Amino acid sequence: MTVDNHYNGDQLIERLRDGDNDAFREIIDHYRSYLFLLAFRKLQNEDEAKDVVQDILISVWNNRGKIKINTSLQSYLSGAVHNKVSELIRQKIKRRERESFYLEQLDQTTSTLPLEGKEIYVRIYTAIHGISPATRKAFVLAYLESKSYKEIAEEMNINVQSVKNHIQRALKLLRHTLSQNVYDTKIL
């Protein structure tokens, strides 16, 4: 699928550099669906594809004054999707490797961990994976990778307050999920 070649991306970029909000709206309206399809085809996950497109469009807006495009706007945005998807896939692979390592460690410590400790670990692991991708990412970066809110904000391309909101939401959801699981277990 290609976007209409007659659409003048060069003019849009010039207008965008000049701070024209309407130019940015036109870029969104014209390219969002195309970019989503590119990302979705590779990721096979609607939420992740939407996040990729959103991150790219935010980056375009944040860098509008210094953006340099040597190809067509469509090629530039397609390349950005490719790069962002590749980065996301690399992160997923690393996360799976870490999770696999932790699960192997858990299996190796079967005789040393009390049963209750293993159950709590499984509940926490399950609860973390019930959180939305962006909120989970902020939580994992803060609590598992020990990154500061500022570092997380830079990595996720959001402001520090949004990071705080994501982490607060994650903690609230985890508390709720884990307290329900503990309550459910006691009833049984």
C-alpha atoms as a PDB file:
ATOM      1  CA  MET A   1       0.000   0.000   0.000  1.00  0.00           C
ATOM      2  CA  THR A   2       1.268   3.448  -0.819  1.00  0.00           C
ATOM      3  CA  VAL A   3      -0.089   6.836  -0.017  1.00  0.00           C
ATOM      4  CA  ASP A   4      -1.094   9.182  -2.832  1.00  0.00           C
ATOM      5  CA  ASN A   5       2.149  10.234  -4.547  1.00  0.00           C
ATOM      6  CA  HIS A   6       0.629  13.548  -5.634  1.00  0.00           C
ATOM      7  CA  TYR A   7       0.389  14.607  -2.019  1.00  0.00           C
ATOM      8  CA  ASN A   8       3.138  17.180  -1.440  1.00  0.00           C
ATOM      9  CA  GLY A   9       5.075  16.134   1.654  1.00  0.00           C
ATOM     10  CA  ASP A  10       7.790  18.743   1.043  1.00  0.00           C
ATOM     11  CA  GLN A  11       5.305  21.570   1.440  1.00  0.00           C
ATOM     12  CA  LEU A  12       3.892  19.967   4.574  1.00  0.00           C
ATOM     13  CA  ILE A  13       7.344  19.679   6.125  1.00  0.00           C
ATOM     14  CA  GLU A  14       8.106  23.327   5.344  1.00  0.00           C
ATOM     15  CA  ARG A  15       4.838  24.408   6.897  1.00  0.00           C
ATOM     16  CA  LEU A  16       5.482  22.135   9.879  1.00  0.00           C
ATOM     17  CA  ARG A  17       8.963  23.642  10.383  1.00  0.00           C
ATOM     18  CA  ASP A  18       7.283  27.049  10.468  1.00  0.00           C
ATOM     19  CA  GLY A  19       5.060  25.823  13.321  1.00  0.00           C
ATOM     20  CA  ASP A  20       1.881  25.315  11.302  1.00  0.00           C
ATOM     21  CA  ASN A  21      -0.410  23.097  13.414  1.00  0.00           C
ATOM     22  CA  ASP A  22      -2.647  22.448  10.430  1.00  0.00           C
ATOM     23  CA  ALA A  23       0.291  20.930   8.546  1.00  0.00           C
ATOM     24  CA  PHE A  24       0.837  18.488  11.401  1.00  0.00           C
ATOM     25  CA  ARG A  25      -2.880  17.618  11.404  1.00  0.00           C
ATOM     26  CA  GLU A  26      -2.650  16.961   7.644  1.00  0.00           C
ATOM     27  CA  ILE A  27       0.341  14.664   8.160  1.00  0.00           C
ATOM     28  CA  ILE A  28      -1.600  12.749  10.803  1.00  0.00           C
ATOM     29  CA  ASP A  29      -4.732  12.521   8.686  1.00  0.00           C
ATOM     30  CA  HIS A  30      -2.852  11.523   5.561  1.00  0.00           C
ATOM     31  CA  TYR A  31      -0.286   9.041   6.911  1.00  0.00           C
ATOM     32  CA  ARG A  32      -1.588   7.570  10.188  1.00  0.00           C
ATOM     33  CA  SER A  33      -3.501   4.645   8.659  1.00  0.00           C
ATOM     34  CA  TYR A  34      -0.646   3.799   6.313  1.00  0.00           C
ATOM     35  CA  LEU A  35       1.895   3.847   9.148  1.00  0.00           C
ATOM     36  CA  PHE A  36      -0.407   1.768  11.350  1.00  0.00           C
ATOM     37  CA  LEU A  37      -0.690  -0.908   8.654  1.00  0.00           C
ATOM     38  CA  LEU A  38       3.105  -1.036   8.254  1.00  0.00           C
ATOM     39  CA  ALA A  39       3.608  -1.446  11.996  1.00  0.00           C
ATOM     40  CA  PHE A  40       0.737  -3.894  12.443  1.00  0.00           C
ATOM     41  CA  ARG A  41       1.951  -6.109   9.607  1.00  0.00           C
ATOM     42  CA  LYS A  42       5.261  -6.606  11.429  1.00  0.00           C
ATOM     43  CA  LEU A  43       4.045  -6.665  15.037  1.00  0.00           C
ATOM     44  CA  GLN A  44       0.664  -8.389  14.665  1.00  0.00           C
ATOM     45  CA  ASN A  45      -0.488  -6.413  17.719  1.00  0.00           C
ATOM     46  CA  GLU A  46      -2.924  -3.533  17.347  1.00  0.00           C
ATOM     47  CA  ASP A  47      -1.980  -1.701  20.566  1.00  0.00           C
ATOM     48  CA  GLU A  48       1.734  -1.911  19.875  1.00  0.00           C
ATOM     49  CA  ALA A  49       1.220  -0.717  16.290  1.00  0.00           C
ATOM     50  CA  LYS A  50      -0.816   2.255  17.528  1.00  0.00           C
ATOM     51  CA  ASP A  51       1.899   3.062  20.081  1.00  0.00           C
ATOM     52  CA  VAL A  52       4.579   2.955  17.370  1.00  0.00           C
ATOM     53  CA  VAL A  53       2.647   5.368  15.152  1.00  0.00           C
ATOM     54  CA  GLN A  54       1.922   7.663  18.078  1.00  0.00           C
ATOM     55  CA  ASP A  55       5.592   7.702  19.123  1.00  0.00           C
ATOM     56  CA  ILE A  56       6.671   8.557  15.575  1.00  0.00           C
ATOM     57  CA  LEU A  57       4.130  11.340  15.174  1.00  0.00           C
ATOM     58  CA  ILE A  58       5.063  12.792  18.565  1.00  0.00           C
ATOM     59  CA  SER A  59       8.712  12.689  17.555  1.00  0.00           C
ATOM     60  CA  VAL A  60       7.915  14.482  14.290  1.00  0.00           C
ATOM     61  CA  TRP A  61       6.055  17.177  16.222  1.00  0.00           C
ATOM     62  CA  ASN A  62       8.749  17.534  18.903  1.00  0.00           C
ATOM     63  CA  ASN A  63      11.493  17.808  16.256  1.00  0.00           C
ATOM     64  CA  ARG A  64       9.524  19.838  13.736  1.00  0.00           C
ATOM     65  CA  GLY A  65      11.953  22.775  13.755  1.00  0.00           C
ATOM     66  CA  LYS A  66      15.014  20.683  12.964  1.00  0.00           C
ATOM     67  CA  ILE A  67      13.595  17.807  10.933  1.00  0.00           C
ATOM     68  CA  LYS A  68      15.591  17.074   7.778  1.00  0.00           C
ATOM     69  CA  ILE A  69      14.169  14.742   5.170  1.00  0.00           C
ATOM     70  CA  ASN A  70      16.295  13.683   2.216  1.00  0.00           C
ATOM     71  CA  THR A  71      13.612  11.455   0.708  1.00  0.00           C
ATOM     72  CA  SER A  72       9.867  11.743   0.429  1.00  0.00           C
ATOM     73  CA  LEU A  73       7.850  12.270   3.603  1.00  0.00           C
ATOM     74  CA  GLN A  74       6.287   8.844   3.081  1.00  0.00           C
ATOM     75  CA  SER A  75       9.714   7.165   2.854  1.00  0.00           C
ATOM     76  CA  TYR A  76      10.933   9.043   5.915  1.00  0.00           C
ATOM     77  CA  LEU A  77       7.893   8.001   7.980  1.00  0.00           C
ATOM     78  CA  SER A  78       8.079   4.410   6.677  1.00  0.00           C
ATOM     79  CA  GLY A  79      11.725   4.246   7.730  1.00  0.00           C
ATOM     80  CA  ALA A  80      10.804   5.607  11.150  1.00  0.00           C
ATOM     81  CA  VAL A  81       8.192   2.843  11.514  1.00  0.00           C
ATOM     82  CA  HIS A  82      10.740   0.223  10.507  1.00  0.00           C
ATOM     83  CA  ASN A  83      13.286   1.533  13.023  1.00  0.00           C
ATOM     84  CA  LYS A  84      10.759   1.827  15.861  1.00  0.00           C
ATOM     85  CA  VAL A  85       9.359  -1.662  15.201  1.00  0.00           C
ATOM     86  CA  SER A  86      12.885  -3.113  15.111  1.00  0.00           C
ATOM     87  CA  GLU A  87      13.666  -1.418  18.431  1.00  0.00           C
ATOM     88  CA  LEU A  88      10.445  -2.754  19.943  1.00  0.00           C
ATOM     89  CA  ILE A  89      11.179  -6.296  18.744  1.00  0.00           C
ATOM     90  CA  ARG A  90      14.702  -6.099  20.214  1.00  0.00           C
ATOM     91  CA  GLN A  91      13.215  -4.949  23.532  1.00  0.00           C
ATOM     92  CA  LYS A  92      10.716  -7.820  23.468  1.00  0.00           C
ATOM     93  CA  ILE A  93      13.492 -10.332  22.851  1.00  0.00           C
ATOM     94  CA  LYS A  94      15.542  -8.926  25.736  1.00  0.00           C
ATOM     95  CA  ARG A  95      12.489  -8.959  28.010  1.00  0.00           C
ATOM     96  CA  ARG A  96      11.718 -12.569  27.076  1.00  0.00           C
ATOM     97  CA  GLU A  97      15.325 -13.533  27.744  1.00  0.00           C
ATOM     98  CA  ARG A  98      15.177 -11.857  31.177  1.00  0.00           C
ATOM     99  CA  GLU A  99      11.842 -13.481  31.967  1.00  0.00           C
ATOM    100  CA  SER A 100      13.172 -16.842  30.857  1.00  0.00           C
ATOM    101  CA  PHE A 101      16.239 -16.372  33.054  1.00  0.00           C
ATOM    102  CA  TYR A 102      14.081 -15.477  36.065  1.00  0.00           C
ATOM    103  CA  LEU A 103      11.797 -18.443  35.463  1.00  0.00           C
ATOM    104  CA  GLU A 104      14.833 -20.747  35.205  1.00  0.00           C
ATOM    105  CA  GLN A 105      16.124 -19.310  38.462  1.00  0.00           C
ATOM    106  CA  LEU A 106      12.733 -19.923  40.012  1.00  0.00           C
ATOM    107  CA  ASP A 107      12.754 -23.541  38.818  1.00  0.00           C
ATOM    108  CA  GLN A 108      16.256 -24.063  40.207  1.00  0.00           C
ATOM    109  CA  THR A 109      15.240 -22.769  43.619  1.00  0.00           C
ATOM    110  CA  THR A 110      12.210 -25.033  43.926  1.00  0.00           C
ATOM    111  CA  SER A 111      13.562 -26.759  46.981  1.00  0.00           C
ATOM    112  CA  THR A 112      14.691 -23.550  48.694  1.00  0.00           C
ATOM    113  CA  LEU A 113      11.653 -21.308  48.178  1.00  0.00           C
ATOM    114  CA  PRO A 114       8.587 -21.921  50.244  1.00  0.00           C
ATOM    115  CA  LEU A 115       5.522 -22.703  48.157  1.00  0.00           C
ATOM    116  CA  GLU A 116       3.865 -19.456  49.170  1.00  0.00           C
ATOM    117  CA  GLY A 117       6.827 -17.435  47.822  1.00  0.00           C
ATOM    118  CA  LYS A 118       6.558 -19.092  44.405  1.00  0.00           C
ATOM    119  CA  GLU A 119       2.822 -18.467  44.299  1.00  0.00           C
ATOM    120  CA  ILE A 120       3.368 -14.784  45.059  1.00  0.00           C
ATOM    121  CA  TYR A 121       5.982 -14.574  42.302  1.00  0.00           C
ATOM    122  CA  VAL A 122       3.574 -16.122  39.787  1.00  0.00           C
ATOM    123  CA  ARG A 123       0.786 -13.748  40.893  1.00  0.00           C
ATOM    124  CA  ILE A 124       3.047 -10.716  40.539  1.00  0.00           C
ATOM    125  CA  TYR A 125       4.259 -11.889  37.119  1.00  0.00           C
ATOM    126  CA  THR A 126       0.661 -12.448  35.972  1.00  0.00           C
ATOM    127  CA  ALA A 127      -0.500  -9.108  37.392  1.00  0.00           C
ATOM    128  CA  ILE A 128       2.300  -7.192  35.651  1.00  0.00           C
ATOM    129  CA  HIS A 129       1.309  -8.692  32.310  1.00  0.00           C
ATOM    130  CA  GLY A 130      -2.299  -7.556  32.847  1.00  0.00           C
ATOM    131  CA  ILE A 131      -1.240  -3.895  32.659  1.00  0.00           C
ATOM    132  CA  SER A 132      -1.385  -1.872  29.431  1.00  0.00           C
ATOM    133  CA  PRO A 133       1.890  -1.861  27.445  1.00  0.00           C
ATOM    134  CA  ALA A 134       2.877   1.768  28.126  1.00  0.00           C
ATOM    135  CA  THR A 135       2.079   1.539  31.843  1.00  0.00           C
ATOM    136  CA  ARG A 136       3.902  -1.798  32.103  1.00  0.00           C
ATOM    137  CA  LYS A 137       6.929  -0.355  30.322  1.00  0.00           C
ATOM    138  CA  ALA A 138       7.142   2.578  32.760  1.00  0.00           C
ATOM    139  CA  PHE A 139       6.747   0.219  35.726  1.00  0.00           C
ATOM    140  CA  VAL A 140       9.378  -2.245  34.471  1.00  0.00           C
ATOM    141  CA  LEU A 141      11.861   0.530  33.716  1.00  0.00           C
ATOM    142  CA  ALA A 142      11.365   2.016  37.188  1.00  0.00           C
ATOM    143  CA  TYR A 143      11.217  -1.099  39.335  1.00  0.00           C
ATOM    144  CA  LEU A 144      13.062  -3.808  37.420  1.00  0.00           C
ATOM    145  CA  GLU A 145      15.658  -1.714  35.601  1.00  0.00           C
ATOM    146  CA  SER A 146      15.972   0.948  38.350  1.00  0.00           C
ATOM    147  CA  LYS A 147      15.748   3.889  35.966  1.00  0.00           C
ATOM    148  CA  SER A 148      14.855   7.388  37.136  1.00  0.00           C
ATOM    149  CA  TYR A 149      11.614   9.043  36.102  1.00  0.00           C
ATOM    150  CA  LYS A 150      13.616  11.418  33.905  1.00  0.00           C
ATOM    151  CA  GLU A 151      15.390   8.534  32.126  1.00  0.00           C
ATOM    152  CA  ILE A 152      12.060   6.769  31.619  1.00  0.00           C
ATOM    153  CA  ALA A 153      10.474   9.948  30.243  1.00  0.00           C
ATOM    154  CA  GLU A 154      13.294  10.324  27.726  1.00  0.00           C
ATOM    155  CA  GLU A 155      13.158   6.676  26.666  1.00  0.00           C
ATOM    156  CA  MET A 156       9.367   6.671  26.285  1.00  0.00           C
ATOM    157  CA  ASN A 157       9.347  10.167  24.748  1.00  0.00           C
ATOM    158  CA  ILE A 158       6.825  11.480  27.304  1.00  0.00           C
ATOM    159  CA  ASN A 159       7.031  13.997  30.131  1.00  0.00           C
ATOM    160  CA  VAL A 160       7.999  13.122  33.712  1.00  0.00           C
ATOM    161  CA  GLN A 161       4.458  13.664  35.008  1.00  0.00           C
ATOM    162  CA  SER A 162       3.156  11.079  32.525  1.00  0.00           C
ATOM    163  CA  VAL A 163       5.750   8.622  33.823  1.00  0.00           C
ATOM    164  CA  LYS A 164       4.559   9.265  37.383  1.00  0.00           C
ATOM    165  CA  ASN A 165       0.959   8.730  36.271  1.00  0.00           C
ATOM    166  CA  HIS A 166       1.835   5.434  34.527  1.00  0.00           C
ATOM    167  CA  ILE A 167       3.697   4.136  37.577  1.00  0.00           C
ATOM    168  CA  GLN A 168       0.946   5.241  39.946  1.00  0.00           C
ATOM    169  CA  ARG A 169      -1.609   3.471  37.734  1.00  0.00           C
ATOM    170  CA  ALA A 170       0.545   0.325  37.616  1.00  0.00           C
ATOM    171  CA  LEU A 171       0.937   0.234  41.400  1.00  0.00           C
ATOM    172  CA  LYS A 172      -2.786   0.753  41.903  1.00  0.00           C
ATOM    173  CA  LEU A 173      -3.649  -2.048  39.456  1.00  0.00           C
ATOM    174  CA  LEU A 174      -1.058  -4.379  40.960  1.00  0.00           C
ATOM    175  CA  ARG A 175      -2.290  -3.722  44.508  1.00  0.00           C
ATOM    176  CA  HIS A 176      -5.862  -4.338  43.414  1.00  0.00           C
ATOM    177  CA  THR A 177      -5.040  -7.504  41.454  1.00  0.00           C
ATOM    178  CA  LEU A 178      -2.789  -8.944  44.118  1.00  0.00           C
ATOM    179  CA  SER A 179      -5.199  -8.149  46.959  1.00  0.00           C
ATOM    180  CA  GLN A 180      -7.993  -9.861  45.011  1.00  0.00           C
ATOM    181  CA  ASN A 181      -5.823 -12.935  44.442  1.00  0.00           C
ATOM    182  CA  VAL A 182      -4.904 -13.132  48.124  1.00  0.00           C
ATOM    183  CA  TYR A 183      -8.555 -12.694  49.112  1.00  0.00           C
ATOM    184  CA  ASP A 184      -9.687 -15.317  46.570  1.00  0.00           C
ATOM    185  CA  THR A 185      -7.081 -17.775  47.861  1.00  0.00           C
ATOM    186  CA  LYS A 186      -8.201 -17.367  51.468  1.00  0.00           C
ATOM    187  CA  ILE A 187     -11.832 -18.066  50.540  1.00  0.00           C
ATOM    188  CA  LEU A 188     -10.893 -21.303  48.786  1.00  0.00           C
END
